[in-house]
Amino acid sequence: MKTGGRYDTSGLAEARSEPGSRGRVLRNRLGITRKREMDAAEYNAYNAAIVSLLKSYGPEHRFTASDIQKMHRLWLGGIYEWSGEYRQVNVSKGGFFFAASGQIPLLMAEFEKGPLSRHTPCAFKDMPRVIEALAEVHVELLLIHPFREGNGRLARLLSVLMGTQAGLPLLDFSCIRGKKKEEYFAAVRVGLDRDYKPMERIFELVIDTALKASC
């Protein structure tokens, strides 16, 4: 069982909890046993990663599967020894199963050749095209769920980087809460049928929120 009950898992290596955490915190390099402290550590590392990555990837960069692994490792490398490595456990959320762990290398290769190749660099001048790119890449990465921890935040981080390629301010996902959060999860699920319209509507809201905040 993943910490906090957010995921169900099967497997051993990445399912270990930090001793003394009562199963609420994954085994980590910092010896953190309290979930609130771990949340803070991940949050601070995430903000530091954004600053670094904004300097690393310019407007003409085409993202690859290797880039995504590097981004995950940059963010969580100081916390988890398996950061940047594809997960070896199967995970589900609310009865919804993400891609089987054994299929992740192949799926990430296809993700690179497909959505990442089509939609990055995301330097499109037409906003509907930008939204289309953000929505498809976001959904497909979440459906693969390549890592043991941090997939949602990593997908949002990639969206932020793609948004800057399109000349947008840093995307603001704070509007995704309450009912909108349920709509967001539903938009990921319908992506199994390659229907990205619900996620496009989510990104319209996210972009509008970011643009208003930048004024």
C-alpha atoms as a PDB file:
ATOM      1  CA  MET A   1       0.000   0.000   0.000  1.00  0.00           C
ATOM      2  CA  LYS A   2       1.405   3.346  -0.995  1.00  0.00           C
ATOM      3  CA  THR A   3       1.798   5.987   1.648  1.00  0.00           C
ATOM      4  CA  GLY A   4      -1.380   7.854   2.491  1.00  0.00           C
ATOM      5  CA  GLY A   5      -3.540   5.258   0.728  1.00  0.00           C
ATOM      6  CA  ARG A   6      -3.405   7.135  -2.576  1.00  0.00           C
ATOM      7  CA  TYR A   7      -2.289   4.096  -4.557  1.00  0.00           C
ATOM      8  CA  ASP A   8      -2.553   0.350  -4.350  1.00  0.00           C
ATOM      9  CA  THR A   9       0.674  -1.408  -5.329  1.00  0.00           C
ATOM     10  CA  SER A  10       1.980  -4.871  -6.029  1.00  0.00           C
ATOM     11  CA  GLY A  11       5.688  -5.574  -5.860  1.00  0.00           C
ATOM     12  CA  LEU A  12       8.481  -5.341  -3.327  1.00  0.00           C
ATOM     13  CA  ALA A  13      11.480  -3.110  -4.057  1.00  0.00           C
ATOM     14  CA  GLU A  14       9.680   0.225  -4.302  1.00  0.00           C
ATOM     15  CA  ALA A  15       6.884  -0.651  -1.903  1.00  0.00           C
ATOM     16  CA  ARG A  16       9.089  -0.479   1.196  1.00  0.00           C
ATOM     17  CA  SER A  17       8.168   2.088   3.802  1.00  0.00           C
ATOM     18  CA  GLU A  18      10.595   4.083   5.910  1.00  0.00           C
ATOM     19  CA  PRO A  19      11.095   2.307   9.247  1.00  0.00           C
ATOM     20  CA  GLY A  20       9.166   4.110  11.944  1.00  0.00           C
ATOM     21  CA  SER A  21       6.756   5.766   9.511  1.00  0.00           C
ATOM     22  CA  ARG A  22       3.937   3.271  10.147  1.00  0.00           C
ATOM     23  CA  GLY A  23       3.701   2.715   6.395  1.00  0.00           C
ATOM     24  CA  ARG A  24       2.954   6.371   5.631  1.00  0.00           C
ATOM     25  CA  VAL A  25       6.277   7.368   4.062  1.00  0.00           C
ATOM     26  CA  LEU A  26       8.307   5.561   1.416  1.00  0.00           C
ATOM     27  CA  ARG A  27      11.875   4.497   2.180  1.00  0.00           C
ATOM     28  CA  ASN A  28      13.975   7.589   1.555  1.00  0.00           C
ATOM     29  CA  ARG A  29      17.521   8.957   1.708  1.00  0.00           C
ATOM     30  CA  LEU A  30      16.644  11.544   4.358  1.00  0.00           C
ATOM     31  CA  GLY A  31      15.265   9.165   6.959  1.00  0.00           C
ATOM     32  CA  ILE A  32      11.999  11.112   7.055  1.00  0.00           C
ATOM     33  CA  THR A  33       9.200   9.298   8.874  1.00  0.00           C
ATOM     34  CA  ARG A  34       6.464  11.942   9.010  1.00  0.00           C
ATOM     35  CA  LYS A  35       4.253  12.454   5.967  1.00  0.00           C
ATOM     36  CA  ARG A  36       3.961  16.202   6.493  1.00  0.00           C
ATOM     37  CA  GLU A  37       7.740  16.521   6.576  1.00  0.00           C
ATOM     38  CA  MET A  38       8.058  14.432   3.413  1.00  0.00           C
ATOM     39  CA  ASP A  39       5.433  16.545   1.645  1.00  0.00           C
ATOM     40  CA  ALA A  40       7.471  19.639   2.499  1.00  0.00           C
ATOM     41  CA  ALA A  41      10.729  18.053   1.312  1.00  0.00           C
ATOM     42  CA  GLU A  42       9.171  17.055  -2.016  1.00  0.00           C
ATOM     43  CA  TYR A  43       7.581  20.500  -2.416  1.00  0.00           C
ATOM     44  CA  ASN A  44      10.844  22.344  -1.815  1.00  0.00           C
ATOM     45  CA  ALA A  45      12.737  20.035  -4.160  1.00  0.00           C
ATOM     46  CA  TYR A  46      10.037  20.529  -6.793  1.00  0.00           C
ATOM     47  CA  ASN A  47      10.345  24.310  -6.699  1.00  0.00           C
ATOM     48  CA  ALA A  48      14.113  24.071  -6.975  1.00  0.00           C
ATOM     49  CA  ALA A  49      13.744  21.719  -9.963  1.00  0.00           C
ATOM     50  CA  ILE A  50      11.472  24.160 -11.788  1.00  0.00           C
ATOM     51  CA  VAL A  51      14.072  26.919 -11.524  1.00  0.00           C
ATOM     52  CA  SER A  52      16.809  24.643 -12.841  1.00  0.00           C
ATOM     53  CA  LEU A  53      14.746  23.135 -15.660  1.00  0.00           C
ATOM     54  CA  LEU A  54      13.549  26.485 -16.950  1.00  0.00           C
ATOM     55  CA  LYS A  55      17.222  27.275 -17.562  1.00  0.00           C
ATOM     56  CA  SER A  56      17.938  23.881 -19.146  1.00  0.00           C
ATOM     57  CA  TYR A  57      15.208  23.565 -21.766  1.00  0.00           C
ATOM     58  CA  GLY A  58      14.728  26.332 -24.287  1.00  0.00           C
ATOM     59  CA  PRO A  59      11.912  27.149 -26.725  1.00  0.00           C
ATOM     60  CA  GLU A  60      13.310  24.907 -29.467  1.00  0.00           C
ATOM     61  CA  HIS A  61      13.847  21.779 -27.379  1.00  0.00           C
ATOM     62  CA  ARG A  62      12.058  18.564 -28.344  1.00  0.00           C
ATOM     63  CA  PHE A  63      11.481  16.542 -25.200  1.00  0.00           C
ATOM     64  CA  THR A  64      12.403  12.866 -25.003  1.00  0.00           C
ATOM     65  CA  ALA A  65      11.722   9.993 -22.633  1.00  0.00           C
ATOM     66  CA  SER A  66      15.263  10.422 -21.338  1.00  0.00           C
ATOM     67  CA  ASP A  67      14.509  14.072 -20.525  1.00  0.00           C
ATOM     68  CA  ILE A  68      11.553  12.991 -18.441  1.00  0.00           C
ATOM     69  CA  GLN A  69      13.716  10.563 -16.493  1.00  0.00           C
ATOM     70  CA  LYS A  70      16.286  13.318 -15.933  1.00  0.00           C
ATOM     71  CA  MET A  71      13.565  15.704 -14.742  1.00  0.00           C
ATOM     72  CA  HIS A  72      12.294  13.152 -12.243  1.00  0.00           C
ATOM     73  CA  ARG A  73      15.837  12.452 -11.016  1.00  0.00           C
ATOM     74  CA  LEU A  74      16.624  16.160 -10.669  1.00  0.00           C
ATOM     75  CA  TRP A  75      13.505  16.659  -8.593  1.00  0.00           C
ATOM     76  CA  LEU A  76      13.553  13.586  -6.346  1.00  0.00           C
ATOM     77  CA  GLY A  77      17.133  12.335  -6.574  1.00  0.00           C
ATOM     78  CA  GLY A  78      18.023  13.695  -3.178  1.00  0.00           C
ATOM     79  CA  ILE A  79      15.035  11.947  -1.602  1.00  0.00           C
ATOM     80  CA  TYR A  80      14.541   8.524  -3.227  1.00  0.00           C
ATOM     81  CA  GLU A  81      17.231   6.188  -4.528  1.00  0.00           C
ATOM     82  CA  TRP A  82      14.972   5.005  -7.365  1.00  0.00           C
ATOM     83  CA  SER A  83      14.260   8.497  -8.739  1.00  0.00           C
ATOM     84  CA  GLY A  84      14.470   8.677 -12.521  1.00  0.00           C
ATOM     85  CA  GLU A  85      14.034   4.906 -12.839  1.00  0.00           C
ATOM     86  CA  TYR A  86      10.862   3.427 -14.283  1.00  0.00           C
ATOM     87  CA  ARG A  87       8.732   1.783 -11.628  1.00  0.00           C
ATOM     88  CA  GLN A  88       8.893  -1.954 -10.998  1.00  0.00           C
ATOM     89  CA  VAL A  89       5.517  -2.131  -9.277  1.00  0.00           C
ATOM     90  CA  ASN A  90       1.992  -1.984 -10.642  1.00  0.00           C
ATOM     91  CA  VAL A  91      -0.163   0.868  -9.391  1.00  0.00           C
ATOM     92  CA  SER A  92      -3.832   1.798  -9.400  1.00  0.00           C
ATOM     93  CA  LYS A  93      -5.881   4.664  -8.080  1.00  0.00           C
ATOM     94  CA  GLY A  94      -9.527   4.439  -7.131  1.00  0.00           C
ATOM     95  CA  GLY A  95      -9.854   1.160  -9.016  1.00  0.00           C
ATOM     96  CA  PHE A  96      -8.225   2.603 -12.149  1.00  0.00           C
ATOM     97  CA  PHE A  97      -5.091   0.716 -13.190  1.00  0.00           C
ATOM     98  CA  PHE A  98      -2.229   2.496 -14.898  1.00  0.00           C
ATOM     99  CA  ALA A  99       0.087   0.792 -17.386  1.00  0.00           C
ATOM    100  CA  ALA A 100       1.671  -2.479 -16.260  1.00  0.00           C
ATOM    101  CA  SER A 101       5.217  -1.899 -15.050  1.00  0.00           C
ATOM    102  CA  GLY A 102       6.721  -4.337 -17.542  1.00  0.00           C
ATOM    103  CA  GLN A 103       5.327  -2.303 -20.450  1.00  0.00           C
ATOM    104  CA  ILE A 104       6.678   1.077 -19.360  1.00  0.00           C
ATOM    105  CA  PRO A 105       9.970   1.137 -21.366  1.00  0.00           C
ATOM    106  CA  LEU A 106       8.084   0.309 -24.576  1.00  0.00           C
ATOM    107  CA  LEU A 107       5.277   2.751 -23.824  1.00  0.00           C
ATOM    108  CA  MET A 108       7.713   5.562 -23.050  1.00  0.00           C
ATOM    109  CA  ALA A 109       9.538   4.900 -26.314  1.00  0.00           C
ATOM    110  CA  GLU A 110       6.207   5.145 -28.137  1.00  0.00           C
ATOM    111  CA  PHE A 111       5.352   8.270 -26.154  1.00  0.00           C
ATOM    112  CA  GLU A 112       8.594   9.851 -27.376  1.00  0.00           C
ATOM    113  CA  LYS A 113       7.987   8.919 -31.003  1.00  0.00           C
ATOM    114  CA  GLY A 114       4.333   9.960 -30.836  1.00  0.00           C
ATOM    115  CA  PRO A 115       3.040  12.779 -28.603  1.00  0.00           C
ATOM    116  CA  LEU A 116       6.431  14.222 -27.651  1.00  0.00           C
ATOM    117  CA  SER A 117       7.601  14.276 -31.259  1.00  0.00           C
ATOM    118  CA  ARG A 118       4.332  15.796 -32.536  1.00  0.00           C
ATOM    119  CA  HIS A 119       3.844  18.364 -29.807  1.00  0.00           C
ATOM    120  CA  THR A 120       7.306  19.532 -28.763  1.00  0.00           C
ATOM    121  CA  PRO A 121       8.812  21.966 -29.076  1.00  0.00           C
ATOM    122  CA  CYS A 122       5.459  23.497 -28.178  1.00  0.00           C
ATOM    123  CA  ALA A 123       6.237  26.788 -29.928  1.00  0.00           C
ATOM    124  CA  PHE A 124       2.915  27.014 -31.733  1.00  0.00           C
ATOM    125  CA  LYS A 125       1.415  30.433 -32.437  1.00  0.00           C
ATOM    126  CA  ASP A 126      -2.178  29.233 -32.436  1.00  0.00           C
ATOM    127  CA  MET A 127      -3.541  28.843 -28.888  1.00  0.00           C
ATOM    128  CA  PRO A 128      -5.928  25.952 -29.707  1.00  0.00           C
ATOM    129  CA  ARG A 129      -2.905  24.074 -31.080  1.00  0.00           C
ATOM    130  CA  VAL A 130      -0.982  24.755 -27.865  1.00  0.00           C
ATOM    131  CA  ILE A 131      -3.892  23.492 -25.786  1.00  0.00           C
ATOM    132  CA  GLU A 132      -4.167  20.368 -27.943  1.00  0.00           C
ATOM    133  CA  ALA A 133      -0.468  19.674 -27.418  1.00  0.00           C
ATOM    134  CA  LEU A 134      -0.586  20.195 -23.657  1.00  0.00           C
ATOM    135  CA  ALA A 135      -3.662  18.032 -23.207  1.00  0.00           C
ATOM    136  CA  GLU A 136      -2.483  15.021 -25.197  1.00  0.00           C
ATOM    137  CA  VAL A 137       1.024  14.951 -23.741  1.00  0.00           C
ATOM    138  CA  HIS A 138      -0.332  15.373 -20.218  1.00  0.00           C
ATOM    139  CA  VAL A 139      -2.916  12.606 -20.498  1.00  0.00           C
ATOM    140  CA  GLU A 140      -0.644  10.098 -22.192  1.00  0.00           C
ATOM    141  CA  LEU A 141       2.140  10.562 -19.653  1.00  0.00           C
ATOM    142  CA  LEU A 142      -0.282  10.130 -16.773  1.00  0.00           C
ATOM    143  CA  LEU A 143      -1.769   6.977 -18.279  1.00  0.00           C
ATOM    144  CA  ILE A 144       1.708   5.445 -18.469  1.00  0.00           C
ATOM    145  CA  HIS A 145       2.507   6.637 -14.934  1.00  0.00           C
ATOM    146  CA  PRO A 146       6.173   5.720 -15.406  1.00  0.00           C
ATOM    147  CA  PHE A 147       7.476   6.364 -11.891  1.00  0.00           C
ATOM    148  CA  ARG A 148       6.818   5.084  -8.404  1.00  0.00           C
ATOM    149  CA  GLU A 149       6.039   8.546  -7.061  1.00  0.00           C
ATOM    150  CA  GLY A 150       5.377  12.043  -8.389  1.00  0.00           C
ATOM    151  CA  ASN A 151       3.792  11.309 -11.785  1.00  0.00           C
ATOM    152  CA  GLY A 152       1.084  13.948 -11.548  1.00  0.00           C
ATOM    153  CA  ARG A 153       3.460  16.674 -10.454  1.00  0.00           C
ATOM    154  CA  LEU A 154       5.989  15.658 -13.091  1.00  0.00           C
ATOM    155  CA  ALA A 155       3.310  15.811 -15.800  1.00  0.00           C
ATOM    156  CA  ARG A 156       2.370  19.289 -14.610  1.00  0.00           C
ATOM    157  CA  LEU A 157       6.039  20.277 -14.612  1.00  0.00           C
ATOM    158  CA  LEU A 158       6.379  19.148 -18.225  1.00  0.00           C
ATOM    159  CA  SER A 159       3.267  21.199 -19.042  1.00  0.00           C
ATOM    160  CA  VAL A 160       4.877  24.251 -17.441  1.00  0.00           C
ATOM    161  CA  LEU A 161       7.983  23.804 -19.599  1.00  0.00           C
ATOM    162  CA  MET A 162       5.922  23.289 -22.743  1.00  0.00           C
ATOM    163  CA  GLY A 163       3.854  26.346 -21.878  1.00  0.00           C
ATOM    164  CA  THR A 164       6.954  28.518 -21.677  1.00  0.00           C
ATOM    165  CA  GLN A 165       7.920  27.291 -25.152  1.00  0.00           C
ATOM    166  CA  ALA A 166       4.610  28.741 -26.331  1.00  0.00           C
ATOM    167  CA  GLY A 167       5.340  32.047 -24.621  1.00  0.00           C
ATOM    168  CA  LEU A 168       2.902  31.483 -21.750  1.00  0.00           C
ATOM    169  CA  PRO A 169       3.564  32.464 -18.138  1.00  0.00           C
ATOM    170  CA  LEU A 170       4.159  29.633 -15.682  1.00  0.00           C
ATOM    171  CA  LEU A 171       1.002  27.545 -15.753  1.00  0.00           C
ATOM    172  CA  ASP A 172      -1.059  27.693 -12.578  1.00  0.00           C
ATOM    173  CA  PHE A 173      -2.813  24.457 -11.584  1.00  0.00           C
ATOM    174  CA  SER A 174      -4.182  25.830  -8.307  1.00  0.00           C
ATOM    175  CA  CYS A 175      -7.609  26.120  -9.926  1.00  0.00           C
ATOM    176  CA  ILE A 176      -7.824  22.308 -10.129  1.00  0.00           C
ATOM    177  CA  ARG A 177      -9.544  21.626  -6.821  1.00  0.00           C
ATOM    178  CA  GLY A 178     -12.908  20.461  -5.564  1.00  0.00           C
ATOM    179  CA  LYS A 179     -15.214  19.529  -8.426  1.00  0.00           C
ATOM    180  CA  LYS A 180     -12.563  20.509 -10.966  1.00  0.00           C
ATOM    181  CA  LYS A 181     -10.223  17.916  -9.468  1.00  0.00           C
ATOM    182  CA  GLU A 182     -12.771  15.197 -10.158  1.00  0.00           C
ATOM    183  CA  GLU A 183     -13.155  16.518 -13.699  1.00  0.00           C
ATOM    184  CA  TYR A 184      -9.387  16.397 -14.069  1.00  0.00           C
ATOM    185  CA  PHE A 185      -9.226  12.724 -13.049  1.00  0.00           C
ATOM    186  CA  ALA A 186     -12.146  11.928 -15.358  1.00  0.00           C
ATOM    187  CA  ALA A 187     -10.304  13.679 -18.205  1.00  0.00           C
ATOM    188  CA  VAL A 188      -7.310  11.400 -17.656  1.00  0.00           C
ATOM    189  CA  ARG A 189      -9.475   8.278 -17.710  1.00  0.00           C
ATOM    190  CA  VAL A 190     -11.247   9.104 -20.985  1.00  0.00           C
ATOM    191  CA  GLY A 191      -7.810   9.516 -22.519  1.00  0.00           C
ATOM    192  CA  LEU A 192      -7.756   5.727 -22.764  1.00  0.00           C
ATOM    193  CA  ASP A 193     -10.052   6.242 -25.760  1.00  0.00           C
ATOM    194  CA  ARG A 194      -7.796   9.014 -27.097  1.00  0.00           C
ATOM    195  CA  ASP A 195     -10.423  11.580 -26.204  1.00  0.00           C
ATOM    196  CA  TYR A 196      -8.451  14.628 -25.082  1.00  0.00           C
ATOM    197  CA  LYS A 197     -11.248  17.206 -25.258  1.00  0.00           C
ATOM    198  CA  PRO A 198     -12.036  17.106 -21.516  1.00  0.00           C
ATOM    199  CA  MET A 199      -8.377  17.709 -20.699  1.00  0.00           C
ATOM    200  CA  GLU A 200      -8.267  20.516 -23.256  1.00  0.00           C
ATOM    201  CA  ARG A 201     -11.039  22.233 -21.296  1.00  0.00           C
ATOM    202  CA  ILE A 202      -8.993  21.793 -18.125  1.00  0.00           C
ATOM    203  CA  PHE A 203      -5.994  23.427 -19.780  1.00  0.00           C
ATOM    204  CA  GLU A 204      -8.110  26.306 -21.044  1.00  0.00           C
ATOM    205  CA  LEU A 205      -8.888  27.061 -17.402  1.00  0.00           C
ATOM    206  CA  VAL A 206      -5.275  26.565 -16.293  1.00  0.00           C
ATOM    207  CA  ILE A 207      -3.966  28.914 -18.985  1.00  0.00           C
ATOM    208  CA  ASP A 208      -6.634  31.521 -18.265  1.00  0.00           C
ATOM    209  CA  THR A 209      -5.712  31.407 -14.566  1.00  0.00           C
ATOM    210  CA  ALA A 210      -2.018  31.854 -15.360  1.00  0.00           C
ATOM    211  CA  LEU A 211      -2.650  34.740 -17.754  1.00  0.00           C
ATOM    212  CA  LYS A 212      -4.822  36.587 -15.232  1.00  0.00           C
ATOM    213  CA  ALA A 213      -2.218  36.090 -12.505  1.00  0.00           C
ATOM    214  CA  SER A 214       0.507  37.538 -14.752  1.00  0.00           C
ATOM    215  CA  CYS A 215      -1.376  40.750 -15.491  1.00  0.00           C
END
